[in-house]
Amino acid sequence: MFDVVPDPQPTLSIQPTNSTQLLVRWPASTPPAFMLETTTNFTPVIVWTAVTNSVSVSGTNKFVILDVNVAEPERCYRLKQ
């Protein structure tokens, strides 16, 4: 008998780079099957949309730089496999 232990989900780190952009990063070891997605609210039915910005790699992180849209003060991100 054995136990199946799922791989831990990669975590996102989000920080502003200036007043108009965000840096979203996650571990470079994250499999390519994970895609960055975004939504503007959690009101059912939640609609997640793929982020289409180019993903870059620096050291141990993958990252994207996103423009802040002041018309959308609340935005959530996730990595989805």
C-alpha atoms as a PDB file:
ATOM      1  CA  MET A   1       0.000   0.000   0.000  1.00  0.00           C
ATOM      2  CA  PHE A   2       1.166   3.520  -0.682  1.00  0.00           C
ATOM      3  CA  ASP A   3      -0.080   7.084  -0.348  1.00  0.00           C
ATOM      4  CA  VAL A   4      -0.361   9.448  -3.283  1.00  0.00           C
ATOM      5  CA  VAL A   5       0.835  12.888  -2.314  1.00  0.00           C
ATOM      6  CA  PRO A   6      -0.036  15.602  -4.845  1.00  0.00           C
ATOM      7  CA  ASP A   7       2.586  18.129  -5.845  1.00  0.00           C
ATOM      8  CA  PRO A   8       2.129  21.405  -4.000  1.00  0.00           C
ATOM      9  CA  GLN A   9       0.520  24.177  -5.993  1.00  0.00           C
ATOM     10  CA  PRO A  10       2.963  26.905  -7.035  1.00  0.00           C
ATOM     11  CA  THR A  11       2.463  30.228  -5.293  1.00  0.00           C
ATOM     12  CA  LEU A  12       2.189  33.632  -6.915  1.00  0.00           C
ATOM     13  CA  SER A  13       3.941  36.760  -5.741  1.00  0.00           C
ATOM     14  CA  ILE A  14       2.452  40.082  -6.866  1.00  0.00           C
ATOM     15  CA  GLN A  15       4.026  43.467  -6.314  1.00  0.00           C
ATOM     16  CA  PRO A  16       3.756  46.890  -7.947  1.00  0.00           C
ATOM     17  CA  THR A  17       6.770  47.961  -9.995  1.00  0.00           C
ATOM     18  CA  ASN A  18       5.457  51.522 -10.228  1.00  0.00           C
ATOM     19  CA  SER A  19       2.048  53.238 -10.187  1.00  0.00           C
ATOM     20  CA  THR A  20       0.989  51.681 -13.512  1.00  0.00           C
ATOM     21  CA  GLN A  21       2.421  48.128 -13.524  1.00  0.00           C
ATOM     22  CA  LEU A  22       2.470  44.917 -11.501  1.00  0.00           C
ATOM     23  CA  LEU A  23       5.103  42.202 -11.395  1.00  0.00           C
ATOM     24  CA  VAL A  24       3.522  38.739 -11.077  1.00  0.00           C
ATOM     25  CA  ARG A  25       5.982  35.904 -10.487  1.00  0.00           C
ATOM     26  CA  TRP A  26       6.045  32.233  -9.592  1.00  0.00           C
ATOM     27  CA  PRO A  27       8.722  29.504  -9.367  1.00  0.00           C
ATOM     28  CA  ALA A  28      10.566  28.737 -12.615  1.00  0.00           C
ATOM     29  CA  SER A  29      10.242  25.041 -11.759  1.00  0.00           C
ATOM     30  CA  THR A  30       6.463  25.285 -12.290  1.00  0.00           C
ATOM     31  CA  PRO A  31       5.483  22.931 -15.138  1.00  0.00           C
ATOM     32  CA  PRO A  32       4.456  24.647 -18.387  1.00  0.00           C
ATOM     33  CA  ALA A  33       0.966  23.165 -18.034  1.00  0.00           C
ATOM     34  CA  PHE A  34       0.198  25.912 -15.486  1.00  0.00           C
ATOM     35  CA  MET A  35      -1.284  29.054 -17.025  1.00  0.00           C
ATOM     36  CA  LEU A  36      -1.728  32.461 -15.394  1.00  0.00           C
ATOM     37  CA  GLU A  37      -5.391  33.488 -15.285  1.00  0.00           C
ATOM     38  CA  THR A  38      -7.235  36.572 -14.063  1.00  0.00           C
ATOM     39  CA  THR A  39     -10.722  37.660 -13.023  1.00  0.00           C
ATOM     40  CA  THR A  40     -12.222  40.926 -11.831  1.00  0.00           C
ATOM     41  CA  ASN A  41     -14.578  39.496  -9.215  1.00  0.00           C
ATOM     42  CA  PHE A  42     -15.778  36.404  -7.382  1.00  0.00           C
ATOM     43  CA  THR A  43     -19.472  36.852  -8.055  1.00  0.00           C
ATOM     44  CA  PRO A  44     -20.890  33.572  -9.359  1.00  0.00           C
ATOM     45  CA  VAL A  45     -20.440  32.569 -12.131  1.00  0.00           C
ATOM     46  CA  ILE A  46     -16.709  33.368 -11.905  1.00  0.00           C
ATOM     47  CA  VAL A  47     -15.091  33.811 -15.301  1.00  0.00           C
ATOM     48  CA  TRP A  48     -11.319  33.307 -15.423  1.00  0.00           C
ATOM     49  CA  THR A  49      -9.431  34.583 -18.463  1.00  0.00           C
ATOM     50  CA  ALA A  50      -5.936  33.569 -19.582  1.00  0.00           C
ATOM     51  CA  VAL A  51      -3.274  36.254 -19.258  1.00  0.00           C
ATOM     52  CA  THR A  52      -1.667  36.530 -22.687  1.00  0.00           C
ATOM     53  CA  ASN A  53       1.399  38.598 -21.756  1.00  0.00           C
ATOM     54  CA  SER A  54       4.735  36.948 -22.505  1.00  0.00           C
ATOM     55  CA  VAL A  55       6.194  34.948 -19.642  1.00  0.00           C
ATOM     56  CA  SER A  56       9.868  35.630 -18.922  1.00  0.00           C
ATOM     57  CA  VAL A  57      12.345  33.755 -16.728  1.00  0.00           C
ATOM     58  CA  SER A  58      14.867  35.340 -14.384  1.00  0.00           C
ATOM     59  CA  GLY A  59      16.883  33.120 -12.061  1.00  0.00           C
ATOM     60  CA  THR A  60      14.480  30.920 -10.116  1.00  0.00           C
ATOM     61  CA  ASN A  61      11.307  32.748 -11.203  1.00  0.00           C
ATOM     62  CA  LYS A  62       8.946  33.004 -14.135  1.00  0.00           C
ATOM     63  CA  PHE A  63       7.230  36.386 -14.367  1.00  0.00           C
ATOM     64  CA  VAL A  64       4.985  38.732 -16.311  1.00  0.00           C
ATOM     65  CA  ILE A  65       4.622  42.488 -16.065  1.00  0.00           C
ATOM     66  CA  LEU A  66       1.025  43.674 -16.278  1.00  0.00           C
ATOM     67  CA  ASP A  67      -0.436  47.125 -16.761  1.00  0.00           C
ATOM     68  CA  VAL A  68      -2.747  48.314 -13.981  1.00  0.00           C
ATOM     69  CA  ASN A  69      -6.218  49.249 -15.212  1.00  0.00           C
ATOM     70  CA  VAL A  70      -7.648  51.938 -12.904  1.00  0.00           C
ATOM     71  CA  ALA A  71     -11.140  51.120 -14.208  1.00  0.00           C
ATOM     72  CA  GLU A  72     -10.764  47.682 -12.550  1.00  0.00           C
ATOM     73  CA  PRO A  73      -9.663  48.346  -8.960  1.00  0.00           C
ATOM     74  CA  GLU A  74     -10.066  44.681  -8.000  1.00  0.00           C
ATOM     75  CA  ARG A  75      -8.351  41.945  -9.973  1.00  0.00           C
ATOM     76  CA  CYS A  76      -7.409  38.431  -8.888  1.00  0.00           C
ATOM     77  CA  TYR A  77      -4.820  36.061 -10.352  1.00  0.00           C
ATOM     78  CA  ARG A  78      -4.220  32.319 -10.189  1.00  0.00           C
ATOM     79  CA  LEU A  79      -2.149  29.595 -11.792  1.00  0.00           C
ATOM     80  CA  LYS A  80      -4.385  26.932 -13.281  1.00  0.00           C
ATOM     81  CA  GLN A  81      -3.266  23.547 -14.573  1.00  0.00           C
END
